[in-house]
Protein backbone atom coordinates (compact mmCIF):
# COMPACT_ATOMS: atom_id res chain seq x y z
CA MET A 1 111.74 -7.95 224.10
CA ARG A 2 110.88 -4.47 223.36
CA PHE A 3 108.40 -2.56 225.73
CA ASN A 4 106.47 0.27 224.34
CA VAL A 5 104.60 2.26 226.74
CA ILE A 6 102.06 4.96 225.45
CA THR A 7 101.61 7.41 227.99
CA LEU A 8 100.63 11.39 228.41
CA PHE A 9 103.59 11.60 230.57
CA PRO A 10 106.61 10.02 229.45
CA GLN A 11 108.74 11.90 231.91
CA MET A 12 107.63 9.64 234.57
CA LEU A 13 109.22 6.62 233.10
CA ALA A 14 112.46 7.91 234.09
CA ALA A 15 112.35 6.03 237.63
CA LEU A 16 112.75 2.90 234.99
CA THR A 17 115.32 4.11 232.44
CA GLU A 18 117.84 6.16 234.43
CA GLU A 19 118.19 3.79 237.88
CA GLY A 20 117.70 0.16 238.68
CA VAL A 21 117.31 -2.92 237.31
CA VAL A 22 115.77 -1.93 234.25
CA ALA A 23 118.14 0.97 233.07
CA ARG A 24 121.30 -1.47 233.55
CA ALA A 25 118.90 -3.98 231.41
CA LEU A 26 118.53 -1.63 228.99
CA LYS A 27 122.42 -0.69 228.78
CA GLN A 28 123.16 -4.68 227.98
CA GLY A 29 120.58 -4.71 225.37
CA LEU A 30 118.51 -7.16 227.19
CA VAL A 31 115.38 -5.30 226.22
CA ASP A 32 114.74 -2.51 224.31
CA MET A 33 111.95 0.20 225.59
CA LYS A 34 110.25 3.15 223.55
CA LEU A 35 107.69 5.69 224.74
CA TRP A 36 104.68 7.08 222.88
CA ASN A 37 102.76 10.51 223.82
CA PRO A 38 99.24 10.54 222.01
CA ARG A 39 99.40 14.13 221.85
CA ASP A 40 102.20 13.72 219.12
CA PHE A 41 99.72 11.80 216.90
CA THR A 42 96.63 14.32 217.29
CA ALA A 43 95.80 16.44 213.78
CA ASP A 44 94.38 19.72 215.91
CA ARG A 45 96.93 22.59 217.28
CA HIS A 46 95.63 22.37 220.75
CA ARG A 47 97.28 18.43 220.46
CA THR A 48 93.74 17.24 222.31
CA VAL A 49 93.99 13.82 223.61
CA ASP A 50 90.52 13.64 225.75
CA ASP A 51 87.17 15.76 225.68
CA ARG A 52 84.16 15.65 227.77
CA PRO A 53 81.61 12.10 228.18
CA TYR A 54 78.73 11.49 226.41
CA GLY A 55 75.76 11.13 229.04
CA GLY A 56 77.22 13.76 231.11
CA GLY A 57 79.41 13.13 234.36
CA PRO A 58 82.32 14.32 235.87
CA GLY A 59 86.23 14.08 234.16
CA MET A 60 87.18 13.58 230.76
CA VAL A 61 87.91 10.63 228.62
CA MET A 62 90.36 9.77 225.91
CA LEU A 63 90.05 10.17 222.55
CA ALA A 64 89.95 7.23 220.40
CA GLU A 65 91.56 8.46 216.97
CA PRO A 66 95.09 9.66 218.57
CA LEU A 67 95.33 6.34 220.35
CA ALA A 68 94.48 4.36 217.68
CA ARG A 69 97.34 6.04 215.74
CA THR A 70 100.16 6.04 218.43
CA ILE A 71 99.07 2.19 218.81
CA GLY A 72 99.84 1.92 214.76
CA ALA A 73 103.05 3.70 214.89
CA ALA A 74 103.95 1.65 217.88
CA ARG A 75 102.73 -1.52 215.98
CA GLN A 76 105.20 -0.96 212.65
CA THR A 77 108.72 -0.96 215.24
CA CYS A 78 107.32 -4.29 216.52
CA ARG A 79 107.30 -8.02 215.67
CA PRO A 80 104.00 -8.80 213.90
CA SER A 81 103.23 -10.42 217.20
CA ALA A 82 102.99 -7.90 219.15
CA ARG A 83 99.90 -7.94 222.39
CA VAL A 84 98.50 -4.56 223.71
CA ILE A 85 98.02 -4.87 227.03
CA HIS A 86 95.55 -2.02 228.68
CA LEU A 87 97.16 -1.25 232.30
CA SER A 88 93.11 -0.92 233.95
CA PRO A 89 91.43 -1.85 237.12
CA GLN A 90 89.03 -4.07 235.53
CA GLY A 91 91.89 -6.36 233.78
CA GLN A 92 93.14 -9.31 235.27
CA ARG A 93 95.06 -9.76 238.30
CA PHE A 94 99.15 -9.32 237.42
CA ASP A 95 101.45 -11.52 239.74
CA GLN A 96 104.12 -13.43 239.26
CA HIS A 97 102.76 -16.22 237.71
CA LYS A 98 101.46 -13.34 234.51
CA ALA A 99 105.00 -11.81 234.61
CA ARG A 100 106.48 -15.74 233.62
CA GLN A 101 103.33 -16.15 231.28
CA LEU A 102 104.22 -13.06 229.17
CA LEU A 103 107.76 -13.39 229.35
CA ALA A 104 107.41 -17.03 227.19
CA ALA A 105 105.06 -15.84 225.35
CA ASP A 106 108.15 -13.96 224.17
CA GLN A 107 105.69 -10.80 222.13
CA ASP A 108 106.78 -7.57 222.35
CA LEU A 109 104.43 -5.27 224.45
CA ILE A 110 102.39 -2.36 224.11
CA LEU A 111 101.40 -1.01 227.27
CA LEU A 112 98.53 1.27 227.13
CA ALA A 113 98.67 3.72 230.07
CA GLY A 114 95.27 5.36 230.78
CA ARG A 115 94.43 8.59 231.80
CA TYR A 116 91.70 10.86 233.63
CA GLU A 117 87.89 9.05 233.58
CA GLY A 118 89.32 6.31 230.96
CA ILE A 119 89.36 5.62 227.28
CA ASP A 120 86.96 5.56 224.94
CA GLN A 121 85.31 2.06 225.36
CA ARG A 122 85.53 1.69 220.91
CA LEU A 123 89.10 1.69 221.35
CA LEU A 124 89.37 -0.73 223.92
CA ASP A 125 87.21 -2.72 222.14
CA ARG A 126 88.58 -2.73 218.70
CA LEU A 127 92.86 -2.71 219.64
CA VAL A 128 93.61 -3.81 222.89
CA ASP A 129 94.26 -7.40 223.27
CA GLU A 130 94.00 -7.90 227.07
CA GLU A 131 93.73 -5.60 230.43
CA LEU A 132 95.81 -5.88 233.74
CA SER A 133 95.15 -4.54 236.79
CA LEU A 134 97.31 -4.32 239.95
CA GLY A 135 94.76 -4.94 242.03
CA ASP A 136 91.38 -3.35 243.58
CA PHE A 137 92.47 -0.43 243.84
CA VAL A 138 92.59 3.09 241.84
CA ILE A 139 95.64 4.85 240.96
CA SER A 140 95.63 7.96 238.89
CA GLY A 141 97.29 6.65 235.40
CA GLY A 142 98.63 3.36 233.88
CA GLU A 143 102.10 4.80 234.00
CA LEU A 144 102.89 3.37 237.75
CA ALA A 145 101.22 -0.17 236.57
CA ALA A 146 102.90 -0.31 233.11
CA MET A 147 106.20 0.18 235.19
CA VAL A 148 105.62 -2.63 237.43
CA VAL A 149 104.88 -4.70 234.66
CA ILE A 150 108.06 -3.84 232.79
CA ASP A 151 109.80 -4.56 236.28
CA ALA A 152 108.46 -7.55 237.05
CA MET A 153 109.02 -8.95 233.86
CA THR A 154 112.74 -7.93 233.09
CA ARG A 155 113.89 -9.13 236.24
CA LEU A 156 113.38 -12.58 235.47
CA LEU A 157 115.05 -12.41 231.92
CA PRO A 158 119.03 -14.01 232.49
CA GLY A 159 121.41 -11.60 233.01
CA ALA A 160 119.25 -8.77 234.44
CA LEU A 161 119.97 -9.35 238.24
CA GLY A 162 123.47 -9.11 239.76
CA HIS A 163 123.48 -13.07 241.00
CA ALA A 164 122.11 -15.58 238.12
CA ASP A 165 120.03 -17.35 241.50
CA SER A 166 118.28 -14.05 242.89
CA ALA A 167 115.42 -14.06 240.92
CA ASP A 168 114.53 -17.55 241.73
CA GLN A 169 114.93 -16.90 244.92
CA ASP A 170 112.77 -14.03 245.09
CA SER A 171 109.29 -14.10 246.39
CA PHE A 172 106.72 -15.99 244.38
CA SER A 173 109.51 -17.80 242.56
CA ASP A 174 108.06 -20.93 243.73
CA ASP A 175 104.49 -19.31 244.41
CA LEU A 176 106.06 -18.92 248.24
CA LEU A 177 106.89 -16.09 250.14
CA ASP A 178 110.20 -15.28 250.70
CA CYS A 179 113.04 -16.47 253.59
CA PRO A 180 114.01 -14.05 255.99
CA HIS A 181 117.61 -12.69 255.61
CA TYR A 182 119.98 -11.19 257.23
CA THR A 183 123.52 -9.61 257.43
CA ARG A 184 126.07 -8.33 258.98
CA PRO A 185 126.52 -7.57 262.06
CA GLU A 186 125.72 -11.10 263.78
CA TYR A 187 124.27 -9.31 266.73
CA TRP A 188 122.28 -6.43 266.33
CA ASN A 189 119.80 -4.87 269.26
CA GLY A 190 120.06 -7.69 271.18
CA GLN A 191 119.13 -10.46 267.93
CA GLN A 192 121.48 -12.94 266.62
CA VAL A 193 121.97 -14.34 263.30
CA PRO A 194 119.63 -17.74 263.68
CA ALA A 195 122.63 -20.15 263.94
CA VAL A 196 121.89 -22.78 261.17
CA LEU A 197 122.73 -19.64 258.70
CA LEU A 198 126.04 -19.00 260.46
CA GLY A 199 127.74 -22.94 260.30
CA GLY A 200 128.43 -23.45 256.54
CA ASP A 201 125.72 -26.57 256.23
CA HIS A 202 124.46 -25.79 252.49
CA ALA A 203 121.94 -28.84 253.10
CA ALA A 204 120.67 -27.36 256.42
CA ILE A 205 120.49 -23.49 255.42
CA ARG A 206 118.32 -24.91 252.24
CA ARG A 207 116.26 -26.67 254.19
CA TRP A 208 115.88 -23.73 256.88
CA ARG A 209 114.87 -21.26 254.42
CA ASP A 210 112.42 -23.59 252.94
CA LYS A 211 110.58 -24.09 256.15
CA GLN A 212 110.67 -20.64 256.83
CA ALA A 213 109.65 -19.95 253.11
CA LEU A 214 106.49 -22.65 253.52
CA GLY A 215 105.73 -21.37 257.31
CA LEU A 216 105.73 -17.52 256.55
CA THR A 217 103.43 -18.24 253.46
CA GLN A 218 101.10 -20.35 255.79
CA ILE A 219 100.85 -17.39 258.02
CA LYS A 220 100.75 -14.44 255.94
CA ARG A 221 99.50 -15.31 252.55
CA THR A 222 97.52 -18.91 253.22
CA ASP A 223 95.35 -18.14 249.84
CA LEU A 224 98.56 -19.54 247.79
CA LEU A 225 98.87 -22.84 249.67
CA GLU A 226 95.18 -23.40 248.99
CA GLY A 227 94.79 -26.27 246.38
CA ARG A 228 99.21 -26.93 246.59
CA GLN A 229 100.08 -30.79 246.83
CA LEU A 230 103.37 -30.11 248.96
CA THR A 231 105.33 -33.38 248.94
CA GLU A 232 106.74 -35.57 251.26
CA GLU A 233 109.43 -33.13 252.66
CA GLN A 234 107.20 -29.65 252.04
CA GLN A 235 104.58 -31.24 254.75
CA GLN A 236 107.31 -32.25 257.42
CA LEU A 237 109.13 -28.64 257.14
CA LEU A 238 105.64 -26.72 257.25
CA ASP A 239 104.18 -29.08 260.74
CA GLU A 240 107.86 -28.33 262.07
CA PHE A 241 107.56 -24.60 261.58
CA ILE A 242 103.93 -24.63 262.92
CA GLN A 243 104.79 -26.55 266.12
CA GLU A 244 108.13 -23.90 266.50
CA HIS A 245 106.02 -21.23 266.12
CA ASN A 246 103.80 -22.29 268.77
CA ASN A 247 105.93 -23.17 271.25
CA ARG A 248 107.60 -19.99 270.77
CA ASP A 249 104.19 -18.25 271.60
């Protein structure tokens, strides 16, 4: 899979390319990534990429023509099915399901990171296939959102994580929150690791982890369980968790 990021600040992507999961995936050849700066596709000596908005108002708007040239150049390096995605607060909410969906489509992605007050709407209408948002808030530019999309998708690729089962045990892997995790020492600050995790009974450990995932989702993100049809075992585990939680209170 190839990620193309169109950005005025390519140096920001060093957080991905130099350290962590994505950097390792790039070295292993699991993904490819290229950065495209619209300033390299301008026609004037000042390398102008923005201008004042028609109708007045604060801020500047990114010009359509340099972005159109940049997208065109990026497309020439991609498979014909490449998809242009604009990172915008107006887009569909990006989540784990969307990350899996984009990965399953097996398309190269051109991620358009906007800046300033936004991008000329005519460019968005003509050349953008989809808009994605991290949530109902505004950040200074689309670079951070692009990095989140790339990281979330890359860690789902076989071989990207250190352990083959790591992605399957993450939060939202089954549309549930993750269970609690513990490591050495067994006792810390007067607290002990749950005994079930120390006994070596893998069936009991799996059952405990499933119970915690269901229970924590019920407490912290009830919306994830709305409309979900639980199996008989899952409902039993959830009922046990609620009873145990109430007894602790």
